[in-house]
Amino acid sequence: MKRGLASVVAVAAAVLVATVSVVGAELELTPLVGIRIGGSLTAEPSGESLDLDDGVAFGLLLGFPLDDQSIVEVELVHHETELRGGDLFNGEPLFELDVDSIMVGGSYRYGDNKVEGFVAGGLGVTRFSPDGAGLDDEYAVVLSIGGGALIPVGKKLAVRLEGRGIGTFMLDETAVFCDETVCGIIIDGDGFVQAEFRAGLTMKF
């Protein structure tokens, strides 16, 4: 994880926890770690498939309970990957890529006090940051939906296990990862789908 992102997440979490303590509202804080798999872009005009490597994703989920079942959630996720070329590029890595997302959504919980199931979703923005001299960041819309379970391990603690499908939607046929003079890739705008499986520890304040 980038130091800058880690610092922002830590400061944001500290400020939110302090705010919640002052105003007396409820808050759930869940650090997450998981694996993200799949995802590919289609280069134009060659039609080559450019694949995103599977890799570890780190996240922080902030939950604001509306009642015992409905939770408003804000999610920050960081994923480090590589963009790998297809046959035209002999499957070689093209460059490293950091993927940072912020999503706003919620979850609905059901079940007994021992184990609670839930469905969840979110909508937000993703930033792609290529590791290459002069290459600019690119942005896309991201949508996630999934579900899982909360397993209590104490009065204020629970293990959170879940899986999500993640859809990322680029602009219609657009140049991406460009510097001022040269574009690295031109893709079609259909977007791509990934899966993420993760675990976390939910702390209630």
C-alpha atoms as a PDB file:
ATOM      1  CA  MET A   1       0.000   0.000   0.000  1.00  0.00           C
ATOM      2  CA  LYS A   2       1.268   3.472  -0.819  1.00  0.00           C
ATOM      3  CA  ARG A   3       2.373   5.513   2.170  1.00  0.00           C
ATOM      4  CA  GLY A   4       0.157   8.400   1.048  1.00  0.00           C
ATOM      5  CA  LEU A   5      -2.951   6.243   0.926  1.00  0.00           C
ATOM      6  CA  ALA A   6      -2.165   4.612   4.253  1.00  0.00           C
ATOM      7  CA  SER A   7      -1.746   8.033   5.872  1.00  0.00           C
ATOM      8  CA  VAL A   8      -5.021   9.347   4.462  1.00  0.00           C
ATOM      9  CA  VAL A   9      -6.912   6.252   5.609  1.00  0.00           C
ATOM     10  CA  ALA A  10      -5.403   6.414   9.101  1.00  0.00           C
ATOM     11  CA  VAL A  11      -6.189  10.120   9.522  1.00  0.00           C
ATOM     12  CA  ALA A  12      -9.716   9.720   8.148  1.00  0.00           C
ATOM     13  CA  ALA A  13     -10.424   6.824  10.493  1.00  0.00           C
ATOM     14  CA  ALA A  14      -9.081   8.723  13.509  1.00  0.00           C
ATOM     15  CA  VAL A  15     -11.147  11.822  12.703  1.00  0.00           C
ATOM     16  CA  LEU A  16     -14.327   9.805  12.182  1.00  0.00           C
ATOM     17  CA  VAL A  17     -13.891   7.815  15.375  1.00  0.00           C
ATOM     18  CA  ALA A  18     -13.260  11.028  17.321  1.00  0.00           C
ATOM     19  CA  THR A  19     -16.323  12.681  15.765  1.00  0.00           C
ATOM     20  CA  VAL A  20     -18.529   9.703  16.551  1.00  0.00           C
ATOM     21  CA  SER A  21     -17.291   9.687  20.151  1.00  0.00           C
ATOM     22  CA  VAL A  22     -18.162  13.369  20.565  1.00  0.00           C
ATOM     23  CA  VAL A  23     -21.633  13.313  19.031  1.00  0.00           C
ATOM     24  CA  GLY A  24     -22.570   9.905  20.418  1.00  0.00           C
ATOM     25  CA  ALA A  25     -23.477   8.353  17.053  1.00  0.00           C
ATOM     26  CA  GLU A  26     -22.811   4.729  16.201  1.00  0.00           C
ATOM     27  CA  LEU A  27     -20.007   3.664  13.879  1.00  0.00           C
ATOM     28  CA  GLU A  28     -18.579   0.411  12.559  1.00  0.00           C
ATOM     29  CA  LEU A  29     -14.956   0.339  11.409  1.00  0.00           C
ATOM     30  CA  THR A  30     -13.724  -2.645   9.375  1.00  0.00           C
ATOM     31  CA  PRO A  31     -10.160  -3.050   8.073  1.00  0.00           C
ATOM     32  CA  LEU A  32     -10.263  -5.509   5.152  1.00  0.00           C
ATOM     33  CA  VAL A  33      -7.790  -7.656   3.232  1.00  0.00           C
ATOM     34  CA  GLY A  34      -8.562  -9.911   0.294  1.00  0.00           C
ATOM     35  CA  ILE A  35      -7.675 -11.065  -3.171  1.00  0.00           C
ATOM     36  CA  ARG A  36      -9.003  -9.525  -6.397  1.00  0.00           C
ATOM     37  CA  ILE A  37      -9.066 -11.672  -9.532  1.00  0.00           C
ATOM     38  CA  GLY A  38      -9.898 -11.232 -13.192  1.00  0.00           C
ATOM     39  CA  GLY A  39     -10.329  -8.156 -15.338  1.00  0.00           C
ATOM     40  CA  SER A  40      -9.146  -7.297 -18.831  1.00  0.00           C
ATOM     41  CA  LEU A  41      -9.173  -4.384 -21.255  1.00  0.00           C
ATOM     42  CA  THR A  42      -9.410  -4.617 -25.032  1.00  0.00           C
ATOM     43  CA  ALA A  43      -6.841  -2.597 -26.958  1.00  0.00           C
ATOM     44  CA  GLU A  44      -7.874  -0.847 -30.168  1.00  0.00           C
ATOM     45  CA  PRO A  45      -7.442  -1.285 -33.075  1.00  0.00           C
ATOM     46  CA  SER A  46      -5.565  -4.564 -32.527  1.00  0.00           C
ATOM     47  CA  GLY A  47      -8.297  -6.203 -30.431  1.00  0.00           C
ATOM     48  CA  GLU A  48      -5.652  -7.545 -28.050  1.00  0.00           C
ATOM     49  CA  SER A  49      -6.748  -8.506 -24.531  1.00  0.00           C
ATOM     50  CA  LEU A  50      -4.782  -6.709 -21.812  1.00  0.00           C
ATOM     51  CA  ASP A  51      -5.168  -8.529 -18.502  1.00  0.00           C
ATOM     52  CA  LEU A  52      -4.956  -7.272 -14.938  1.00  0.00           C
ATOM     53  CA  ASP A  53      -2.965  -9.599 -12.694  1.00  0.00           C
ATOM     54  CA  ASP A  54      -4.621 -11.090  -9.623  1.00  0.00           C
ATOM     55  CA  GLY A  55      -3.426  -9.493  -6.412  1.00  0.00           C
ATOM     56  CA  VAL A  56      -4.009  -8.486  -2.831  1.00  0.00           C
ATOM     57  CA  ALA A  57      -6.484  -5.677  -2.057  1.00  0.00           C
ATOM     58  CA  PHE A  58      -6.552  -3.673   1.176  1.00  0.00           C
ATOM     59  CA  GLY A  59      -9.572  -1.722   2.338  1.00  0.00           C
ATOM     60  CA  LEU A  60     -11.317   0.199   5.064  1.00  0.00           C
ATOM     61  CA  LEU A  61     -15.081   0.085   5.494  1.00  0.00           C
ATOM     62  CA  LEU A  62     -16.952   2.691   7.549  1.00  0.00           C
ATOM     63  CA  GLY A  63     -20.494   1.721   8.519  1.00  0.00           C
ATOM     64  CA  PHE A  64     -23.223   3.983   9.890  1.00  0.00           C
ATOM     65  CA  PRO A  65     -26.158   1.894  11.222  1.00  0.00           C
ATOM     66  CA  LEU A  66     -29.639   3.206  10.458  1.00  0.00           C
ATOM     67  CA  ASP A  67     -31.230   0.385  12.450  1.00  0.00           C
ATOM     68  CA  ASP A  68     -30.412  -3.225  13.411  1.00  0.00           C
ATOM     69  CA  GLN A  69     -30.446  -4.374   9.773  1.00  0.00           C
ATOM     70  CA  SER A  70     -29.687  -1.426   7.478  1.00  0.00           C
ATOM     71  CA  ILE A  71     -26.168   0.050   7.346  1.00  0.00           C
ATOM     72  CA  VAL A  72     -24.879   2.945   5.240  1.00  0.00           C
ATOM     73  CA  GLU A  73     -21.291   2.156   4.202  1.00  0.00           C
ATOM     74  CA  VAL A  74     -18.355   4.128   2.836  1.00  0.00           C
ATOM     75  CA  GLU A  75     -15.540   2.016   1.433  1.00  0.00           C
ATOM     76  CA  LEU A  76     -11.912   2.748   0.507  1.00  0.00           C
ATOM     77  CA  VAL A  77      -9.963   0.040  -1.353  1.00  0.00           C
ATOM     78  CA  HIS A  78      -6.389  -0.105  -2.668  1.00  0.00           C
ATOM     79  CA  HIS A  79      -5.262  -2.804  -5.111  1.00  0.00           C
ATOM     80  CA  GLU A  80      -1.789  -3.217  -6.593  1.00  0.00           C
ATOM     81  CA  THR A  81      -1.585  -5.059  -9.921  1.00  0.00           C
ATOM     82  CA  GLU A  82       0.162  -5.212 -13.285  1.00  0.00           C
ATOM     83  CA  LEU A  83      -1.255  -4.718 -16.749  1.00  0.00           C
ATOM     84  CA  ARG A  84      -0.136  -7.680 -18.842  1.00  0.00           C
ATOM     85  CA  GLY A  85      -0.196  -7.787 -22.645  1.00  0.00           C
ATOM     86  CA  GLY A  86      -1.804 -10.445 -24.840  1.00  0.00           C
ATOM     87  CA  ASP A  87      -0.334 -12.291 -27.821  1.00  0.00           C
ATOM     88  CA  LEU A  88       0.893  -9.094 -29.470  1.00  0.00           C
ATOM     89  CA  PHE A  89       2.949  -8.323 -26.348  1.00  0.00           C
ATOM     90  CA  ASN A  90       3.903 -11.988 -25.680  1.00  0.00           C
ATOM     91  CA  GLY A  91       2.069 -11.886 -22.339  1.00  0.00           C
ATOM     92  CA  GLU A  92       4.713  -9.639 -20.826  1.00  0.00           C
ATOM     93  CA  PRO A  93       3.919  -7.129 -18.043  1.00  0.00           C
ATOM     94  CA  LEU A  94       3.494  -3.649 -19.551  1.00  0.00           C
ATOM     95  CA  PHE A  95       3.610  -1.651 -16.306  1.00  0.00           C
ATOM     96  CA  GLU A  96       2.562  -1.756 -12.666  1.00  0.00           C
ATOM     97  CA  LEU A  97      -0.797  -0.243 -11.818  1.00  0.00           C
ATOM     98  CA  ASP A  98      -2.256   1.016  -8.540  1.00  0.00           C
ATOM     99  CA  VAL A  99      -6.051   0.943  -8.351  1.00  0.00           C
ATOM    100  CA  ASP A 100      -7.769   3.082  -5.689  1.00  0.00           C
ATOM    101  CA  SER A 101     -11.538   3.180  -5.226  1.00  0.00           C
ATOM    102  CA  ILE A 102     -13.999   5.020  -3.050  1.00  0.00           C
ATOM    103  CA  MET A 103     -17.585   3.769  -2.942  1.00  0.00           C
ATOM    104  CA  VAL A 104     -20.737   4.731  -1.081  1.00  0.00           C
ATOM    105  CA  GLY A 105     -23.447   2.154  -0.547  1.00  0.00           C
ATOM    106  CA  GLY A 106     -24.835  -0.036   2.168  1.00  0.00           C
ATOM    107  CA  SER A 107     -25.710  -3.471   3.440  1.00  0.00           C
ATOM    108  CA  TYR A 108     -28.791  -5.255   4.698  1.00  0.00           C
ATOM    109  CA  ARG A 109     -28.349  -7.871   7.433  1.00  0.00           C
ATOM    110  CA  TYR A 110     -30.436 -10.861   8.405  1.00  0.00           C
ATOM    111  CA  GLY A 111     -30.166 -13.850  10.715  1.00  0.00           C
ATOM    112  CA  ASP A 112     -29.756 -14.527  14.434  1.00  0.00           C
ATOM    113  CA  ASN A 113     -27.320 -13.165  17.012  1.00  0.00           C
ATOM    114  CA  LYS A 114     -24.775 -15.926  16.371  1.00  0.00           C
ATOM    115  CA  VAL A 115     -24.176 -15.415  12.657  1.00  0.00           C
ATOM    116  CA  GLU A 116     -25.637 -12.647  10.502  1.00  0.00           C
ATOM    117  CA  GLY A 117     -25.780 -12.888   6.740  1.00  0.00           C
ATOM    118  CA  PHE A 118     -25.807  -9.755   4.613  1.00  0.00           C
ATOM    119  CA  VAL A 119     -26.088  -8.443   1.082  1.00  0.00           C
ATOM    120  CA  ALA A 120     -24.125  -5.317   0.176  1.00  0.00           C
ATOM    121  CA  GLY A 121     -23.388  -2.983  -2.688  1.00  0.00           C
ATOM    122  CA  GLY A 122     -21.695   0.284  -3.532  1.00  0.00           C
ATOM    123  CA  LEU A 123     -21.176   2.845  -6.289  1.00  0.00           C
ATOM    124  CA  GLY A 124     -18.225   5.159  -6.693  1.00  0.00           C
ATOM    125  CA  VAL A 125     -15.079   6.181  -8.540  1.00  0.00           C
ATOM    126  CA  THR A 126     -11.850   4.309  -9.294  1.00  0.00           C
ATOM    127  CA  ARG A 127      -8.474   5.873 -10.029  1.00  0.00           C
ATOM    128  CA  PHE A 128      -5.868   3.958 -12.056  1.00  0.00           C
ATOM    129  CA  SER A 129      -2.292   5.132 -11.398  1.00  0.00           C
ATOM    130  CA  PRO A 130       0.267   3.629 -13.824  1.00  0.00           C
ATOM    131  CA  ASP A 131       3.891   3.313 -12.774  1.00  0.00           C
ATOM    132  CA  GLY A 132       5.526   4.834 -15.823  1.00  0.00           C
ATOM    133  CA  ALA A 133       7.358   8.035 -16.608  1.00  0.00           C
ATOM    134  CA  GLY A 134       4.937  10.716 -17.739  1.00  0.00           C
ATOM    135  CA  LEU A 135       1.835   8.483 -17.727  1.00  0.00           C
ATOM    136  CA  ASP A 136      -1.263  10.156 -16.316  1.00  0.00           C
ATOM    137  CA  ASP A 137      -3.884   8.725 -13.974  1.00  0.00           C
ATOM    138  CA  GLU A 138      -7.236   7.635 -15.399  1.00  0.00           C
ATOM    139  CA  TYR A 139     -10.654   7.473 -13.728  1.00  0.00           C
ATOM    140  CA  ALA A 140     -13.690   5.216 -14.121  1.00  0.00           C
ATOM    141  CA  VAL A 141     -17.049   4.489 -12.506  1.00  0.00           C
ATOM    142  CA  VAL A 142     -17.091   1.402 -10.281  1.00  0.00           C
ATOM    143  CA  LEU A 143     -20.033  -0.691  -9.030  1.00  0.00           C
ATOM    144  CA  SER A 144     -19.822  -3.580  -6.569  1.00  0.00           C
ATOM    145  CA  ILE A 145     -22.392  -6.063  -5.283  1.00  0.00           C
ATOM    146  CA  GLY A 146     -22.054  -9.139  -3.105  1.00  0.00           C
ATOM    147  CA  GLY A 147     -22.722 -10.677   0.258  1.00  0.00           C
ATOM    148  CA  GLY A 148     -21.290 -12.585   3.154  1.00  0.00           C
ATOM    149  CA  ALA A 149     -21.517 -13.202   6.872  1.00  0.00           C
ATOM    150  CA  LEU A 150     -20.663 -11.533  10.182  1.00  0.00           C
ATOM    151  CA  ILE A 151     -19.454 -13.908  12.901  1.00  0.00           C
ATOM    152  CA  PRO A 152     -19.416 -12.340  16.416  1.00  0.00           C
ATOM    153  CA  VAL A 153     -16.254 -12.864  18.452  1.00  0.00           C
ATOM    154  CA  GLY A 154     -17.183 -10.439  21.228  1.00  0.00           C
ATOM    155  CA  LYS A 155     -19.759  -7.853  22.185  1.00  0.00           C
ATOM    156  CA  LYS A 156     -18.198  -5.191  19.955  1.00  0.00           C
ATOM    157  CA  LEU A 157     -16.238  -7.371  17.519  1.00  0.00           C
ATOM    158  CA  ALA A 158     -17.162  -9.572  14.561  1.00  0.00           C
ATOM    159  CA  VAL A 159     -15.295 -11.325  11.770  1.00  0.00           C
ATOM    160  CA  ARG A 160     -16.583 -10.191   8.367  1.00  0.00           C
ATOM    161  CA  LEU A 161     -16.300 -12.630   5.424  1.00  0.00           C
ATOM    162  CA  GLU A 162     -17.577 -11.689   1.986  1.00  0.00           C
ATOM    163  CA  GLY A 163     -17.317 -11.936  -1.755  1.00  0.00           C
ATOM    164  CA  ARG A 164     -18.089  -9.227  -4.283  1.00  0.00           C
ATOM    165  CA  GLY A 165     -18.425  -8.812  -8.001  1.00  0.00           C
ATOM    166  CA  ILE A 166     -16.887  -5.543  -9.201  1.00  0.00           C
ATOM    167  CA  GLY A 167     -17.798  -3.823 -12.458  1.00  0.00           C
ATOM    168  CA  THR A 168     -15.576  -1.022 -13.768  1.00  0.00           C
ATOM    169  CA  PHE A 169     -16.893   1.198 -16.558  1.00  0.00           C
ATOM    170  CA  MET A 170     -14.575   3.300 -18.714  1.00  0.00           C
ATOM    171  CA  LEU A 171     -15.556   6.020 -21.188  1.00  0.00           C
ATOM    172  CA  ASP A 172     -16.539   4.977 -24.714  1.00  0.00           C
ATOM    173  CA  GLU A 173     -13.417   4.132 -26.717  1.00  0.00           C
ATOM    174  CA  THR A 174     -10.892   6.337 -25.031  1.00  0.00           C
ATOM    175  CA  ALA A 175      -7.130   6.733 -24.871  1.00  0.00           C
ATOM    176  CA  VAL A 176      -5.748   5.807 -21.462  1.00  0.00           C
ATOM    177  CA  PHE A 177      -2.437   6.095 -19.640  1.00  0.00           C
ATOM    178  CA  CYS A 178      -1.129   8.982 -21.729  1.00  0.00           C
ATOM    179  CA  ASP A 179       1.552  11.582 -21.239  1.00  0.00           C
ATOM    180  CA  GLU A 180       1.465  14.950 -23.008  1.00  0.00           C
ATOM    181  CA  THR A 181       2.499  13.525 -26.374  1.00  0.00           C
ATOM    182  CA  VAL A 182       1.976   9.757 -26.485  1.00  0.00           C
ATOM    183  CA  CYS A 183      -0.899   7.461 -25.482  1.00  0.00           C
ATOM    184  CA  GLY A 184       0.028   4.061 -24.109  1.00  0.00           C
ATOM    185  CA  ILE A 185      -3.249   2.275 -24.871  1.00  0.00           C
ATOM    186  CA  ILE A 186      -6.525   2.967 -26.628  1.00  0.00           C
ATOM    187  CA  ILE A 187      -9.350   0.758 -25.334  1.00  0.00           C
ATOM    188  CA  ASP A 188     -12.971   0.134 -26.115  1.00  0.00           C
ATOM    189  CA  GLY A 189     -15.387   1.339 -23.465  1.00  0.00           C
ATOM    190  CA  ASP A 190     -17.243  -1.801 -22.451  1.00  0.00           C
ATOM    191  CA  GLY A 191     -15.516  -1.991 -19.085  1.00  0.00           C
ATOM    192  CA  PHE A 192     -14.581  -5.161 -17.227  1.00  0.00           C
ATOM    193  CA  VAL A 193     -15.683  -7.364 -14.330  1.00  0.00           C
ATOM    194  CA  GLN A 194     -13.623  -8.722 -11.420  1.00  0.00           C
ATOM    195  CA  ALA A 195     -14.250 -10.796  -8.300  1.00  0.00           C
ATOM    196  CA  GLU A 196     -12.951 -10.045  -4.825  1.00  0.00           C
ATOM    197  CA  PHE A 197     -12.908 -12.343  -1.783  1.00  0.00           C
ATOM    198  CA  ARG A 198     -11.980 -10.742   1.516  1.00  0.00           C
ATOM    199  CA  ALA A 199     -12.039 -10.868   5.294  1.00  0.00           C
ATOM    200  CA  GLY A 200     -12.045  -8.200   7.959  1.00  0.00           C
ATOM    201  CA  LEU A 201     -12.619  -7.442  11.621  1.00  0.00           C
ATOM    202  CA  THR A 202     -15.635  -5.229  12.351  1.00  0.00           C
ATOM    203  CA  MET A 203     -15.290  -3.002  15.426  1.00  0.00           C
ATOM    204  CA  LYS A 204     -18.332  -1.232  16.822  1.00  0.00           C
ATOM    205  CA  PHE A 205     -18.098   2.138  18.565  1.00  0.00           C
END
